[in-house]
Amino acid sequence: MTTDDETPIIRTTSRRLAKGLVILVGLLILGAVIAVTNFDHMITSPPPSSKLKPEFDLSNPPPGPGAHPTPISTTAEAPAAEKPQTDVTLTILDGAVTQGNPDYDPDELTVTKGNTILVDNVDLMPHTVTNGEGASDANSGKIFDTSIINGGEFKVLETSNVDAGTYPYYCTVHPYMTGTLVVE
């Protein structure tokens, strides 16, 4: 088939169309498998934006046009979990998720064996405090590990079962975040 100026019109073959559809369907299936296998993680670790609280009560719409929504009462919010009394605090700093920013405060934490450490994540992203040089370290997470601490939350580390010594630690979510725990 040609056009008025005798230029041939190139059409795809049914075989090429079938290959393209197979690739497209394969990618959709792969995406679905990834979504299904990570569904539990997505539910338990929502993105930080889902932690935002609306400024207005959207469940109680205004009565008519031009009316303003009712501001949410600050007394109606549930109080945040109270932080327990501990011997030492290790803070995961705001912005620690950005590589190159300060991450743990202090970078080197010295405690006495048996001390409790409050690990306070003031960043918006989830982090961990896991012993080891990194994920490839054979002893990673065997001495201490907070597991995931969501943004704005905290965990307590016990050092009663940790022998005296120097222990490097890192964040399993962001391995470039590192620090050192010294137990005396």
C-alpha atoms as a PDB file:
ATOM      1  CA  MET A   1       0.000   0.000   0.000  1.00  0.00           C
ATOM      2  CA  THR A   2       1.264   3.479  -0.807  1.00  0.00           C
ATOM      3  CA  THR A   3       0.221   7.076  -0.269  1.00  0.00           C
ATOM      4  CA  ASP A   4      -0.451   9.642  -2.976  1.00  0.00           C
ATOM      5  CA  ASP A   5       3.249  10.487  -3.136  1.00  0.00           C
ATOM      6  CA  GLU A   6       4.137   6.793  -3.508  1.00  0.00           C
ATOM      7  CA  THR A   7       5.747   6.514  -0.054  1.00  0.00           C
ATOM      8  CA  PRO A   8       5.198   3.058   1.395  1.00  0.00           C
ATOM      9  CA  ILE A   9       3.150   2.855   4.601  1.00  0.00           C
ATOM     10  CA  ILE A  10       4.797   0.548   7.102  1.00  0.00           C
ATOM     11  CA  ARG A  11       2.406  -1.494   9.166  1.00  0.00           C
ATOM     12  CA  THR A  12       3.307  -3.817  11.972  1.00  0.00           C
ATOM     13  CA  THR A  13       2.854  -7.514  11.614  1.00  0.00           C
ATOM     14  CA  SER A  14       0.590  -9.515  13.852  1.00  0.00           C
ATOM     15  CA  ARG A  15       3.671 -11.278  15.173  1.00  0.00           C
ATOM     16  CA  ARG A  16       5.263  -7.960  16.305  1.00  0.00           C
ATOM     17  CA  LEU A  17       1.957  -6.906  17.874  1.00  0.00           C
ATOM     18  CA  ALA A  18       1.759 -10.203  19.772  1.00  0.00           C
ATOM     19  CA  LYS A  19       5.347  -9.794  21.054  1.00  0.00           C
ATOM     20  CA  GLY A  20       4.560  -6.268  22.249  1.00  0.00           C
ATOM     21  CA  LEU A  21       1.427  -7.449  24.044  1.00  0.00           C
ATOM     22  CA  VAL A  22       3.337 -10.320  25.678  1.00  0.00           C
ATOM     23  CA  ILE A  23       5.949  -7.860  26.974  1.00  0.00           C
ATOM     24  CA  LEU A  24       3.264  -5.480  28.245  1.00  0.00           C
ATOM     25  CA  VAL A  25       1.284  -8.239  29.982  1.00  0.00           C
ATOM     26  CA  GLY A  26       4.530  -9.664  31.439  1.00  0.00           C
ATOM     27  CA  LEU A  27       5.426  -6.287  32.959  1.00  0.00           C
ATOM     28  CA  LEU A  28       1.931  -5.946  34.425  1.00  0.00           C
ATOM     29  CA  ILE A  29       2.187  -9.414  35.963  1.00  0.00           C
ATOM     30  CA  LEU A  30       5.641  -8.625  37.375  1.00  0.00           C
ATOM     31  CA  GLY A  31       4.305  -5.402  38.920  1.00  0.00           C
ATOM     32  CA  ALA A  32       1.358  -7.284  40.426  1.00  0.00           C
ATOM     33  CA  VAL A  33       3.664  -9.950  41.911  1.00  0.00           C
ATOM     34  CA  ILE A  34       5.862  -7.263  43.483  1.00  0.00           C
ATOM     35  CA  ALA A  35       2.832  -5.434  44.896  1.00  0.00           C
ATOM     36  CA  VAL A  36       1.288  -8.622  46.316  1.00  0.00           C
ATOM     37  CA  THR A  37       4.514  -9.881  47.914  1.00  0.00           C
ATOM     38  CA  ASN A  38       5.178  -6.486  49.531  1.00  0.00           C
ATOM     39  CA  PHE A  39       1.579  -5.787  50.549  1.00  0.00           C
ATOM     40  CA  ASP A  40       2.151  -6.495  54.267  1.00  0.00           C
ATOM     41  CA  HIS A  41       5.177  -4.194  54.295  1.00  0.00           C
ATOM     42  CA  MET A  42       3.256  -1.429  52.513  1.00  0.00           C
ATOM     43  CA  ILE A  43       0.433  -1.654  55.059  1.00  0.00           C
ATOM     44  CA  THR A  44       2.700  -1.679  58.148  1.00  0.00           C
ATOM     45  CA  SER A  45       5.100   1.004  56.847  1.00  0.00           C
ATOM     46  CA  PRO A  46       3.015   3.701  55.173  1.00  0.00           C
ATOM     47  CA  PRO A  47       4.791   6.566  53.451  1.00  0.00           C
ATOM     48  CA  PRO A  48       5.512   9.592  55.648  1.00  0.00           C
ATOM     49  CA  SER A  49       2.837  11.702  53.941  1.00  0.00           C
ATOM     50  CA  SER A  50       0.137   9.450  55.421  1.00  0.00           C
ATOM     51  CA  LYS A  51       1.193  10.639  58.881  1.00  0.00           C
ATOM     52  CA  LEU A  52       0.106  14.182  58.074  1.00  0.00           C
ATOM     53  CA  LYS A  53      -2.924  15.306  60.022  1.00  0.00           C
ATOM     54  CA  PRO A  54      -5.488  17.490  58.280  1.00  0.00           C
ATOM     55  CA  GLU A  55      -5.840  20.985  59.614  1.00  0.00           C
ATOM     56  CA  PHE A  56      -9.621  20.726  59.407  1.00  0.00           C
ATOM     57  CA  ASP A  57     -12.171  18.069  60.304  1.00  0.00           C
ATOM     58  CA  LEU A  58     -13.011  16.723  56.855  1.00  0.00           C
ATOM     59  CA  SER A  59     -15.466  14.150  58.239  1.00  0.00           C
ATOM     60  CA  ASN A  60     -17.781  17.003  59.234  1.00  0.00           C
ATOM     61  CA  PRO A  61     -18.279  19.064  56.054  1.00  0.00           C
ATOM     62  CA  PRO A  62     -19.419  22.682  56.290  1.00  0.00           C
ATOM     63  CA  PRO A  63     -23.211  23.213  56.180  1.00  0.00           C
ATOM     64  CA  GLY A  64     -23.450  25.262  52.991  1.00  0.00           C
ATOM     65  CA  PRO A  65     -21.682  27.216  50.298  1.00  0.00           C
ATOM     66  CA  GLY A  66     -19.169  29.712  51.610  1.00  0.00           C
ATOM     67  CA  ALA A  67     -19.057  28.062  55.048  1.00  0.00           C
ATOM     68  CA  HIS A  68     -15.646  27.175  56.459  1.00  0.00           C
ATOM     69  CA  PRO A  69     -14.692  23.719  57.776  1.00  0.00           C
ATOM     70  CA  THR A  70     -14.484  23.287  61.532  1.00  0.00           C
ATOM     71  CA  PRO A  71     -10.892  23.323  62.871  1.00  0.00           C
ATOM     72  CA  ILE A  72      -9.875  20.098  64.591  1.00  0.00           C
ATOM     73  CA  SER A  73      -9.735  20.356  68.358  1.00  0.00           C
ATOM     74  CA  THR A  74      -6.236  19.779  69.708  1.00  0.00           C
ATOM     75  CA  THR A  75      -7.705  18.037  72.767  1.00  0.00           C
ATOM     76  CA  ALA A  76      -9.341  15.374  70.568  1.00  0.00           C
ATOM     77  CA  GLU A  77      -6.011  13.967  69.385  1.00  0.00           C
ATOM     78  CA  ALA A  78      -4.655  10.890  71.115  1.00  0.00           C
ATOM     79  CA  PRO A  79      -1.571  11.650  73.199  1.00  0.00           C
ATOM     80  CA  ALA A  80       1.740  10.354  71.862  1.00  0.00           C
ATOM     81  CA  ALA A  81       3.271   7.406  73.690  1.00  0.00           C
ATOM     82  CA  GLU A  82       5.219   8.647  76.672  1.00  0.00           C
ATOM     83  CA  LYS A  83       8.923   7.968  76.475  1.00  0.00           C
ATOM     84  CA  PRO A  84      10.206   5.712  79.256  1.00  0.00           C
ATOM     85  CA  GLN A  85      12.929   6.721  81.676  1.00  0.00           C
ATOM     86  CA  THR A  86      16.257   5.430  80.323  1.00  0.00           C
ATOM     87  CA  ASP A  87      19.929   5.911  81.143  1.00  0.00           C
ATOM     88  CA  VAL A  88      21.017   7.318  77.758  1.00  0.00           C
ATOM     89  CA  THR A  89      19.366   8.683  74.599  1.00  0.00           C
ATOM     90  CA  LEU A  90      20.509   8.021  71.033  1.00  0.00           C
ATOM     91  CA  THR A  91      18.735  10.330  68.582  1.00  0.00           C
ATOM     92  CA  ILE A  92      18.219   9.630  64.898  1.00  0.00           C
ATOM     93  CA  LEU A  93      18.348  13.190  63.600  1.00  0.00           C
ATOM     94  CA  ASP A  94      15.824  14.909  61.358  1.00  0.00           C
ATOM     95  CA  GLY A  95      17.093  14.705  57.772  1.00  0.00           C
ATOM     96  CA  ALA A  96      19.241  11.642  58.480  1.00  0.00           C
ATOM     97  CA  VAL A  97      17.706   9.954  55.447  1.00  0.00           C
ATOM     98  CA  THR A  98      19.684  12.300  53.172  1.00  0.00           C
ATOM     99  CA  GLN A  99      23.128  10.837  52.598  1.00  0.00           C
ATOM    100  CA  GLY A 100      25.827  13.149  53.954  1.00  0.00           C
ATOM    101  CA  ASN A 101      23.597  14.708  56.624  1.00  0.00           C
ATOM    102  CA  PRO A 102      24.318  14.047  60.305  1.00  0.00           C
ATOM    103  CA  ASP A 103      22.477  10.859  61.218  1.00  0.00           C
ATOM    104  CA  TYR A 104      22.951   9.616  64.796  1.00  0.00           C
ATOM    105  CA  ASP A 105      23.545  11.856  67.818  1.00  0.00           C
ATOM    106  CA  PRO A 106      25.977  11.109  69.302  1.00  0.00           C
ATOM    107  CA  ASP A 107      27.944   9.304  66.579  1.00  0.00           C
ATOM    108  CA  GLU A 108      29.837   7.411  69.285  1.00  0.00           C
ATOM    109  CA  LEU A 109      27.707   6.489  72.278  1.00  0.00           C
ATOM    110  CA  THR A 110      29.395   5.218  75.455  1.00  0.00           C
ATOM    111  CA  VAL A 111      27.311   3.309  78.017  1.00  0.00           C
ATOM    112  CA  THR A 112      27.868   1.075  80.997  1.00  0.00           C
ATOM    113  CA  LYS A 113      26.814  -2.568  80.587  1.00  0.00           C
ATOM    114  CA  GLY A 114      23.218  -2.840  81.758  1.00  0.00           C
ATOM    115  CA  ASN A 115      22.223   0.694  80.724  1.00  0.00           C
ATOM    116  CA  THR A 116      19.043   1.197  78.748  1.00  0.00           C
ATOM    117  CA  ILE A 117      19.218   3.321  75.608  1.00  0.00           C
ATOM    118  CA  LEU A 118      16.248   5.283  74.306  1.00  0.00           C
ATOM    119  CA  VAL A 119      16.564   5.349  70.494  1.00  0.00           C
ATOM    120  CA  ASP A 120      14.465   8.337  69.421  1.00  0.00           C
ATOM    121  CA  ASN A 121      13.759   8.675  65.674  1.00  0.00           C
ATOM    122  CA  VAL A 122      12.964  12.357  65.077  1.00  0.00           C
ATOM    123  CA  ASP A 123      13.341  11.918  61.294  1.00  0.00           C
ATOM    124  CA  LEU A 124      10.280  11.393  59.079  1.00  0.00           C
ATOM    125  CA  MET A 125      11.571   8.134  57.609  1.00  0.00           C
ATOM    126  CA  PRO A 126      11.899   4.681  59.227  1.00  0.00           C
ATOM    127  CA  HIS A 127      15.348   3.709  60.527  1.00  0.00           C
ATOM    128  CA  THR A 128      17.087   1.033  62.627  1.00  0.00           C
ATOM    129  CA  VAL A 129      20.052   0.726  64.956  1.00  0.00           C
ATOM    130  CA  THR A 130      21.595  -2.644  64.078  1.00  0.00           C
ATOM    131  CA  ASN A 131      25.018  -3.864  65.156  1.00  0.00           C
ATOM    132  CA  GLY A 132      27.513  -4.611  62.394  1.00  0.00           C
ATOM    133  CA  GLU A 133      29.521  -3.009  59.623  1.00  0.00           C
ATOM    134  CA  GLY A 134      26.684  -3.502  57.123  1.00  0.00           C
ATOM    135  CA  ALA A 135      24.308  -6.099  55.714  1.00  0.00           C
ATOM    136  CA  SER A 136      27.213  -8.286  54.552  1.00  0.00           C
ATOM    137  CA  ASP A 137      28.577  -8.538  58.133  1.00  0.00           C
ATOM    138  CA  ALA A 138      28.041 -12.121  59.352  1.00  0.00           C
ATOM    139  CA  ASN A 139      27.225 -10.854  62.878  1.00  0.00           C
ATOM    140  CA  SER A 140      24.838  -8.122  61.705  1.00  0.00           C
ATOM    141  CA  GLY A 141      21.891  -7.820  64.082  1.00  0.00           C
ATOM    142  CA  LYS A 142      23.036 -10.672  66.343  1.00  0.00           C
ATOM    143  CA  ILE A 143      24.083  -8.484  69.294  1.00  0.00           C
ATOM    144  CA  PHE A 144      21.452  -5.734  69.124  1.00  0.00           C
ATOM    145  CA  ASP A 145      18.824  -4.534  66.664  1.00  0.00           C
ATOM    146  CA  THR A 146      15.937  -2.134  67.205  1.00  0.00           C
ATOM    147  CA  SER A 147      14.161  -3.339  64.054  1.00  0.00           C
ATOM    148  CA  ILE A 148      12.236  -0.634  62.187  1.00  0.00           C
ATOM    149  CA  ILE A 149      11.530   2.563  64.118  1.00  0.00           C
ATOM    150  CA  ASN A 150       9.043   4.677  62.173  1.00  0.00           C
ATOM    151  CA  GLY A 151       9.462   8.436  61.988  1.00  0.00           C
ATOM    152  CA  GLY A 152       8.531  10.141  65.261  1.00  0.00           C
ATOM    153  CA  GLU A 153       8.662   6.883  67.228  1.00  0.00           C
ATOM    154  CA  PHE A 154      11.197   5.348  69.604  1.00  0.00           C
ATOM    155  CA  LYS A 155      12.480   2.008  70.873  1.00  0.00           C
ATOM    156  CA  VAL A 156      14.506   0.993  73.917  1.00  0.00           C
ATOM    157  CA  LEU A 157      17.743  -1.006  73.639  1.00  0.00           C
ATOM    158  CA  GLU A 158      18.881  -3.073  76.621  1.00  0.00           C
ATOM    159  CA  THR A 159      22.638  -3.570  77.068  1.00  0.00           C
ATOM    160  CA  SER A 160      22.531  -6.127  79.894  1.00  0.00           C
ATOM    161  CA  ASN A 161      23.347  -8.954  77.417  1.00  0.00           C
ATOM    162  CA  VAL A 162      26.001  -6.984  75.516  1.00  0.00           C
ATOM    163  CA  ASP A 163      29.612  -7.666  76.521  1.00  0.00           C
ATOM    164  CA  ALA A 164      32.039  -4.794  77.053  1.00  0.00           C
ATOM    165  CA  GLY A 165      33.552  -3.681  73.757  1.00  0.00           C
ATOM    166  CA  THR A 166      33.158  -1.409  70.763  1.00  0.00           C
ATOM    167  CA  TYR A 167      30.316  -2.178  68.379  1.00  0.00           C
ATOM    168  CA  PRO A 168      29.771  -0.446  65.042  1.00  0.00           C
ATOM    169  CA  TYR A 169      26.134  -0.097  64.048  1.00  0.00           C
ATOM    170  CA  TYR A 170      24.189   1.035  60.994  1.00  0.00           C
ATOM    171  CA  CYS A 171      20.661   1.531  59.673  1.00  0.00           C
ATOM    172  CA  THR A 172      19.456  -1.475  57.673  1.00  0.00           C
ATOM    173  CA  VAL A 173      17.158   0.786  55.640  1.00  0.00           C
ATOM    174  CA  HIS A 174      19.883   3.383  54.912  1.00  0.00           C
ATOM    175  CA  PRO A 175      23.267   1.584  55.266  1.00  0.00           C
ATOM    176  CA  TYR A 176      25.249   4.824  54.863  1.00  0.00           C
ATOM    177  CA  MET A 177      24.007   5.826  58.334  1.00  0.00           C
ATOM    178  CA  THR A 178      26.597   4.534  60.800  1.00  0.00           C
ATOM    179  CA  GLY A 179      27.686   4.991  64.401  1.00  0.00           C
ATOM    180  CA  THR A 180      29.539   3.276  67.236  1.00  0.00           C
ATOM    181  CA  LEU A 181      28.340   1.907  70.572  1.00  0.00           C
ATOM    182  CA  VAL A 182      30.983   1.527  73.281  1.00  0.00           C
ATOM    183  CA  VAL A 183      29.968  -0.684  76.230  1.00  0.00           C
ATOM    184  CA  GLU A 184      32.158  -0.415  79.323  1.00  0.00           C
END
